[in-house]
Amino acid sequence: MQCDLAELEQDMEYAEKEYERQGDHQRNVLDNIREEIEALDRLLRADRLDRKRMQISVKLIRQMVMQEL
């Protein structure tokens, strides 16, 4: 019984750490996407459209999203 409790505590500790790691990862990904969207927004508001840079931003956003799916 005591062994089961110790194993359960270890499992819970691992699950908590994994949950935190996943949360940190998701925050990081979303921050990266937000930064790229802000860059894309600046490009859209510029006097001249830099289509090449816009395509790069869209490609980067797409890659980040696809890696998470």
PDB file of N, CA and C in Angstrom:
ATOM      1  N   MET A   1       0.822  -1.197   0.000  1.00  0.00           N
ATOM      2  CA  MET A   1       0.000   0.000   0.000  1.00  0.00           C
ATOM      3  C   MET A   1       0.865   1.260   0.000  1.00  0.00           C
ATOM      4  N   GLN A   2       1.907   1.257   0.833  1.00  0.00           N
ATOM      5  CA  GLN A   2       2.793   2.419   0.909  1.00  0.00           C
ATOM      6  C   GLN A   2       3.539   2.620  -0.409  1.00  0.00           C
ATOM      7  N   CYS A   3       3.904   1.509  -1.043  1.00  0.00           N
ATOM      8  CA  CYS A   3       4.594   1.567  -2.332  1.00  0.00           C
ATOM      9  C   CYS A   3       3.675   2.182  -3.385  1.00  0.00           C
ATOM     10  N   ASP A   4       2.409   1.799  -3.370  1.00  0.00           N
ATOM     11  CA  ASP A   4       1.444   2.355  -4.324  1.00  0.00           C
ATOM     12  C   ASP A   4       1.292   3.856  -4.136  1.00  0.00           C
ATOM     13  N   LEU A   5       1.272   4.303  -2.889  1.00  0.00           N
ATOM     14  CA  LEU A   5       1.136   5.722  -2.588  1.00  0.00           C
ATOM     15  C   LEU A   5       2.364   6.494  -3.079  1.00  0.00           C
ATOM     16  N   ALA A   6       3.540   5.935  -2.870  1.00  0.00           N
ATOM     17  CA  ALA A   6       4.773   6.576  -3.328  1.00  0.00           C
ATOM     18  C   ALA A   6       4.796   6.667  -4.849  1.00  0.00           C
ATOM     19  N   GLU A   7       4.364   5.592  -5.500  1.00  0.00           N
ATOM     20  CA  GLU A   7       4.314   5.607  -6.964  1.00  0.00           C
ATOM     21  C   GLU A   7       3.300   6.625  -7.464  1.00  0.00           C
ATOM     22  N   LEU A   8       2.171   6.711  -6.800  1.00  0.00           N
ATOM     23  CA  LEU A   8       1.136   7.670  -7.173  1.00  0.00           C
ATOM     24  C   LEU A   8       1.645   9.103  -7.014  1.00  0.00           C
ATOM     25  N   GLU A   9       2.359   9.369  -5.935  1.00  0.00           N
ATOM     26  CA  GLU A   9       2.929  10.698  -5.715  1.00  0.00           C
ATOM     27  C   GLU A   9       3.950  11.040  -6.807  1.00  0.00           C
ATOM     28  N   GLN A  10       4.779  10.059  -7.173  1.00  0.00           N
ATOM     29  CA  GLN A  10       5.754  10.277  -8.241  1.00  0.00           C
ATOM     30  C   GLN A  10       5.054  10.546  -9.569  1.00  0.00           C
ATOM     31  N   ASP A  11       4.012   9.774  -9.835  1.00  0.00           N
ATOM     32  CA  ASP A  11       3.254   9.975 -11.073  1.00  0.00           C
ATOM     33  C   ASP A  11       2.611  11.361 -11.107  1.00  0.00           C
ATOM     34  N   MET A  12       2.066  11.784  -9.985  1.00  0.00           N
ATOM     35  CA  MET A  12       1.444  13.111  -9.913  1.00  0.00           C
ATOM     36  C   MET A  12       2.483  14.216 -10.103  1.00  0.00           C
ATOM     37  N   GLU A  13       3.633  14.039  -9.507  1.00  0.00           N
ATOM     38  CA  GLU A  13       4.708  15.023  -9.637  1.00  0.00           C
ATOM     39  C   GLU A  13       5.159  15.125 -11.102  1.00  0.00           C
ATOM     40  N   TYR A  14       5.304  13.963 -11.740  1.00  0.00           N
ATOM     41  CA  TYR A  14       5.683  13.945 -13.160  1.00  0.00           C
ATOM     42  C   TYR A  14       4.603  14.622 -14.005  1.00  0.00           C
ATOM     43  N   ALA A  15       3.346  14.320 -13.744  1.00  0.00           N
ATOM     44  CA  ALA A  15       2.240  14.896 -14.513  1.00  0.00           C
ATOM     45  C   ALA A  15       2.206  16.414 -14.354  1.00  0.00           C
ATOM     46  N   GLU A  16       2.432  16.905 -13.140  1.00  0.00           N
ATOM     47  CA  GLU A  16       2.449  18.352 -12.903  1.00  0.00           C
ATOM     48  C   GLU A  16       3.578  19.025 -13.679  1.00  0.00           C
ATOM     49  N   LYS A  17       4.763  18.420 -13.652  1.00  0.00           N
ATOM     50  CA  LYS A  17       5.901  18.979 -14.378  1.00  0.00           C
ATOM     51  C   LYS A  17       5.643  18.969 -15.884  1.00  0.00           C
ATOM     52  N   GLU A  18       5.063  17.890 -16.375  1.00  0.00           N
ATOM     53  CA  GLU A  18       4.755  17.778 -17.805  1.00  0.00           C
ATOM     54  C   GLU A  18       3.704  18.818 -18.199  1.00  0.00           C
ATOM     55  N   TYR A  19       2.712  19.006 -17.364  1.00  0.00           N
ATOM     56  CA  TYR A  19       1.674  20.009 -17.613  1.00  0.00           C
ATOM     57  C   TYR A  19       2.296  21.405 -17.689  1.00  0.00           C
ATOM     58  N   GLU A  20       3.182  21.721 -16.761  1.00  0.00           N
ATOM     59  CA  GLU A  20       3.872  23.017 -16.765  1.00  0.00           C
ATOM     60  C   GLU A  20       4.733  23.168 -18.016  1.00  0.00           C
ATOM     61  N   ARG A  21       5.432  22.103 -18.397  1.00  0.00           N
ATOM     62  CA  ARG A  21       6.289  22.154 -19.583  1.00  0.00           C
ATOM     63  C   ARG A  21       5.449  22.414 -20.826  1.00  0.00           C
ATOM     64  N   GLN A  22       4.328  21.720 -20.938  1.00  0.00           N
ATOM     65  CA  GLN A  22       3.456  21.923 -22.093  1.00  0.00           C
ATOM     66  C   GLN A  22       2.881  23.335 -22.109  1.00  0.00           C
ATOM     67  N   GLY A  23       2.524  23.847 -20.937  1.00  0.00           N
ATOM     68  CA  GLY A  23       2.014  25.211 -20.843  1.00  0.00           C
ATOM     69  C   GLY A  23       3.062  26.226 -21.277  1.00  0.00           C
ATOM     70  N   ASP A  24       4.283  26.035 -20.825  1.00  0.00           N
ATOM     71  CA  ASP A  24       5.377  26.932 -21.216  1.00  0.00           C
ATOM     72  C   ASP A  24       5.605  26.870 -22.725  1.00  0.00           C
ATOM     73  N   HIS A  25       5.560  25.668 -23.260  1.00  0.00           N
ATOM     74  CA  HIS A  25       5.766  25.503 -24.699  1.00  0.00           C
ATOM     75  C   HIS A  25       4.665  26.224 -25.478  1.00  0.00           C
ATOM     76  N   GLN A  26       3.423  26.027 -25.079  1.00  0.00           N
ATOM     77  CA  GLN A  26       2.307  26.672 -25.777  1.00  0.00           C
ATOM     78  C   GLN A  26       2.404  28.191 -25.699  1.00  0.00           C
ATOM     79  N   ARG A  27       2.768  28.721 -24.532  1.00  0.00           N
ATOM     80  CA  ARG A  27       2.950  30.172 -24.390  1.00  0.00           C
ATOM     81  C   ARG A  27       4.039  30.668 -25.327  1.00  0.00           C
ATOM     82  N   ASN A  28       5.132  29.929 -25.412  1.00  0.00           N
ATOM     83  CA  ASN A  28       6.244  30.301 -26.282  1.00  0.00           C
ATOM     84  C   ASN A  28       5.799  30.320 -27.746  1.00  0.00           C
ATOM     85  N   VAL A  29       5.091  29.274 -28.160  1.00  0.00           N
ATOM     86  CA  VAL A  29       4.607  29.198 -29.545  1.00  0.00           C
ATOM     87  C   VAL A  29       3.667  30.361 -29.840  1.00  0.00           C
ATOM     88  N   LEU A  30       2.738  30.604 -28.932  1.00  0.00           N
ATOM     89  CA  LEU A  30       1.782  31.698 -29.152  1.00  0.00           C
ATOM     90  C   LEU A  30       2.478  33.061 -29.172  1.00  0.00           C
ATOM     91  N   ASP A  31       3.490  33.241 -28.329  1.00  0.00           N
ATOM     92  CA  ASP A  31       4.262  34.494 -28.361  1.00  0.00           C
ATOM     93  C   ASP A  31       4.957  34.666 -29.713  1.00  0.00           C
ATOM     94  N   ASN A  32       5.528  33.576 -30.224  1.00  0.00           N
ATOM     95  CA  ASN A  32       6.195  33.645 -31.525  1.00  0.00           C
ATOM     96  C   ASN A  32       5.212  33.975 -32.644  1.00  0.00           C
ATOM     97  N   ILE A  33       4.042  33.364 -32.599  1.00  0.00           N
ATOM     98  CA  ILE A  33       3.020  33.648 -33.607  1.00  0.00           C
ATOM     99  C   ILE A  33       2.559  35.093 -33.494  1.00  0.00           C
ATOM    100  N   ARG A  34       2.335  35.557 -32.258  1.00  0.00           N
ATOM    101  CA  ARG A  34       1.917  36.953 -32.047  1.00  0.00           C
ATOM    102  C   ARG A  34       2.952  37.927 -32.611  1.00  0.00           C
ATOM    103  N   GLU A  35       4.215  37.669 -32.352  1.00  0.00           N
ATOM    104  CA  GLU A  35       5.276  38.544 -32.862  1.00  0.00           C
ATOM    105  C   GLU A  35       5.270  38.577 -34.390  1.00  0.00           C
ATOM    106  N   GLU A  36       5.080  37.429 -34.997  1.00  0.00           N
ATOM    107  CA  GLU A  36       5.079  37.377 -36.465  1.00  0.00           C
ATOM    108  C   GLU A  36       3.838  38.067 -37.027  1.00  0.00           C
ATOM    109  N   ILE A  37       2.713  37.940 -36.352  1.00  0.00           N
ATOM    110  CA  ILE A  37       1.501  38.628 -36.793  1.00  0.00           C
ATOM    111  C   ILE A  37       1.675  40.144 -36.659  1.00  0.00           C
ATOM    112  N   GLU A  38       2.313  40.594 -35.593  1.00  0.00           N
ATOM    113  CA  GLU A  38       2.573  42.021 -35.433  1.00  0.00           C
ATOM    114  C   GLU A  38       3.489  42.531 -36.552  1.00  0.00           C
ATOM    115  N   ALA A  39       4.485  41.742 -36.917  1.00  0.00           N
ATOM    116  CA  ALA A  39       5.371  42.130 -38.021  1.00  0.00           C
ATOM    117  C   ALA A  39       4.586  42.196 -39.324  1.00  0.00           C
ATOM    118  N   LEU A  40       3.715  41.238 -39.527  1.00  0.00           N
ATOM    119  CA  LEU A  40       2.880  41.226 -40.729  1.00  0.00           C
ATOM    120  C   LEU A  40       1.951  42.431 -40.742  1.00  0.00           C
ATOM    121  N   ASP A  41       1.405  42.782 -39.607  1.00  0.00           N
ATOM    122  CA  ASP A  41       0.533  43.958 -39.498  1.00  0.00           C
ATOM    123  C   ASP A  41       1.296  45.224 -39.862  1.00  0.00           C
ATOM    124  N   ARG A  42       2.534  45.344 -39.377  1.00  0.00           N
ATOM    125  CA  ARG A  42       3.356  46.518 -39.732  1.00  0.00           C
ATOM    126  C   ARG A  42       3.607  46.568 -41.237  1.00  0.00           C
ATOM    127  N   LEU A  43       3.859  45.409 -41.828  1.00  0.00           N
ATOM    128  CA  LEU A  43       4.078  45.357 -43.279  1.00  0.00           C
ATOM    129  C   LEU A  43       2.827  45.790 -44.039  1.00  0.00           C
ATOM    130  N   LEU A  44       1.676  45.392 -43.554  1.00  0.00           N
ATOM    131  CA  LEU A  44       0.422  45.753 -44.221  1.00  0.00           C
ATOM    132  C   LEU A  44       0.130  47.251 -44.112  1.00  0.00           C
ATOM    133  N   ARG A  45       0.586  47.889 -43.039  1.00  0.00           N
ATOM    134  CA  ARG A  45       0.348  49.317 -42.848  1.00  0.00           C
ATOM    135  C   ARG A  45       1.410  50.205 -43.501  1.00  0.00           C
ATOM    136  N   ALA A  46       2.451  49.600 -44.016  1.00  0.00           N
ATOM    137  CA  ALA A  46       3.533  50.374 -44.648  1.00  0.00           C
ATOM    138  C   ALA A  46       3.034  51.022 -45.942  1.00  0.00           C
ATOM    139  N   ASP A  47       3.715  52.091 -46.332  1.00  0.00           N
ATOM    140  CA  ASP A  47       3.349  52.798 -47.566  1.00  0.00           C
ATOM    141  C   ASP A  47       3.478  51.896 -48.792  1.00  0.00           C
ATOM    142  N   ARG A  48       4.506  51.069 -48.797  1.00  0.00           N
ATOM    143  CA  ARG A  48       4.715  50.140 -49.909  1.00  0.00           C
ATOM    144  C   ARG A  48       4.657  48.718 -49.370  1.00  0.00           C
ATOM    145  N   LEU A  49       3.948  47.871 -50.093  1.00  0.00           N
ATOM    146  CA  LEU A  49       3.832  46.485 -49.667  1.00  0.00           C
ATOM    147  C   LEU A  49       5.079  45.694 -50.057  1.00  0.00           C
ATOM    148  N   ASP A  50       5.645  45.022 -49.092  1.00  0.00           N
ATOM    149  CA  ASP A  50       6.782  44.134 -49.324  1.00  0.00           C
ATOM    150  C   ASP A  50       6.230  42.707 -49.371  1.00  0.00           C
ATOM    151  N   ARG A  51       5.762  42.338 -50.549  1.00  0.00           N
ATOM    152  CA  ARG A  51       5.083  41.047 -50.700  1.00  0.00           C
ATOM    153  C   ARG A  51       5.986  39.865 -50.328  1.00  0.00           C
ATOM    154  N   LYS A  52       7.238  39.968 -50.647  1.00  0.00           N
ATOM    155  CA  LYS A  52       8.175  38.880 -50.333  1.00  0.00           C
ATOM    156  C   LYS A  52       8.242  38.673 -48.813  1.00  0.00           C
ATOM    157  N   ARG A  53       8.396  39.758 -48.071  1.00  0.00           N
ATOM    158  CA  ARG A  53       8.473  39.662 -46.604  1.00  0.00           C
ATOM    159  C   ARG A  53       7.137  39.184 -46.027  1.00  0.00           C
ATOM    160  N   MET A  54       6.034  39.601 -46.630  1.00  0.00           N
ATOM    161  CA  MET A  54       4.716  39.148 -46.182  1.00  0.00           C
ATOM    162  C   MET A  54       4.569  37.644 -46.400  1.00  0.00           C
ATOM    163  N   GLN A  55       5.036  37.162 -47.533  1.00  0.00           N
ATOM    164  CA  GLN A  55       4.978  35.729 -47.816  1.00  0.00           C
ATOM    165  C   GLN A  55       5.816  34.942 -46.807  1.00  0.00           C
ATOM    166  N   ILE A  56       6.962  35.505 -46.448  1.00  0.00           N
ATOM    167  CA  ILE A  56       7.825  34.854 -45.458  1.00  0.00           C
ATOM    168  C   ILE A  56       7.108  34.783 -44.108  1.00  0.00           C
ATOM    169  N   SER A  57       6.455  35.871 -43.709  1.00  0.00           N
ATOM    170  CA  SER A  57       5.728  35.887 -42.437  1.00  0.00           C
ATOM    171  C   SER A  57       4.614  34.851 -42.431  1.00  0.00           C
ATOM    172  N   VAL A  58       3.855  34.802 -43.508  1.00  0.00           N
ATOM    173  CA  VAL A  58       2.766  33.823 -43.597  1.00  0.00           C
ATOM    174  C   VAL A  58       3.334  32.408 -43.537  1.00  0.00           C
ATOM    175  N   LYS A  59       4.427  32.168 -44.225  1.00  0.00           N
ATOM    176  CA  LYS A  59       5.055  30.838 -44.216  1.00  0.00           C
ATOM    177  C   LYS A  59       5.506  30.458 -42.800  1.00  0.00           C
ATOM    178  N   LEU A  60       6.104  31.408 -42.080  1.00  0.00           N
ATOM    179  CA  LEU A  60       6.562  31.132 -40.719  1.00  0.00           C
ATOM    180  C   LEU A  60       5.388  30.830 -39.792  1.00  0.00           C
ATOM    181  N   ILE A  61       4.322  31.608 -39.913  1.00  0.00           N
ATOM    182  CA  ILE A  61       3.137  31.370 -39.092  1.00  0.00           C
ATOM    183  C   ILE A  61       2.554  29.995 -39.408  1.00  0.00           C
ATOM    184  N   ARG A  62       2.453  29.679 -40.675  1.00  0.00           N
ATOM    185  CA  ARG A  62       1.928  28.370 -41.094  1.00  0.00           C
ATOM    186  C   ARG A  62       2.773  27.239 -40.518  1.00  0.00           C
ATOM    187  N   GLN A  63       4.103  27.375 -40.585  1.00  0.00           N
ATOM    188  CA  GLN A  63       4.991  26.338 -40.048  1.00  0.00           C
ATOM    189  C   GLN A  63       4.789  26.149 -38.543  1.00  0.00           C
ATOM    190  N   MET A  64       4.690  27.260 -37.816  1.00  0.00           N
ATOM    191  CA  MET A  64       4.509  27.163 -36.368  1.00  0.00           C
ATOM    192  C   MET A  64       3.197  26.456 -36.028  1.00  0.00           C
ATOM    193  N   VAL A  65       2.144  26.790 -36.762  1.00  0.00           N
ATOM    194  CA  VAL A  65       0.842  26.164 -36.501  1.00  0.00           C
ATOM    195  C   VAL A  65       0.883  24.685 -36.863  1.00  0.00           C
ATOM    196  N   MET A  66       1.445  24.346 -38.007  1.00  0.00           N
ATOM    197  CA  MET A  66       1.490  22.944 -38.441  1.00  0.00           C
ATOM    198  C   MET A  66       2.314  22.080 -37.493  1.00  0.00           C
ATOM    199  N   GLN A  67       3.357  22.641 -36.916  1.00  0.00           N
ATOM    200  CA  GLN A  67       4.152  21.868 -35.968  1.00  0.00           C
ATOM    201  C   GLN A  67       3.357  21.502 -34.712  1.00  0.00           C
ATOM    202  N   GLU A  68       2.366  22.324 -34.397  1.00  0.00           N
ATOM    203  CA  GLU A  68       1.580  22.090 -33.196  1.00  0.00           C
ATOM    204  C   GLU A  68       0.374  21.193 -33.446  1.00  0.00           C
ATOM    205  N   LEU A  69      -0.001  21.022 -34.711  1.00  0.00           N
ATOM    206  CA  LEU A  69      -1.185  20.203 -35.017  1.00  0.00           C
ATOM    207  C   LEU A  69      -0.875  18.726 -35.086  1.00  0.00           C
TER     208      LEU A  69
END
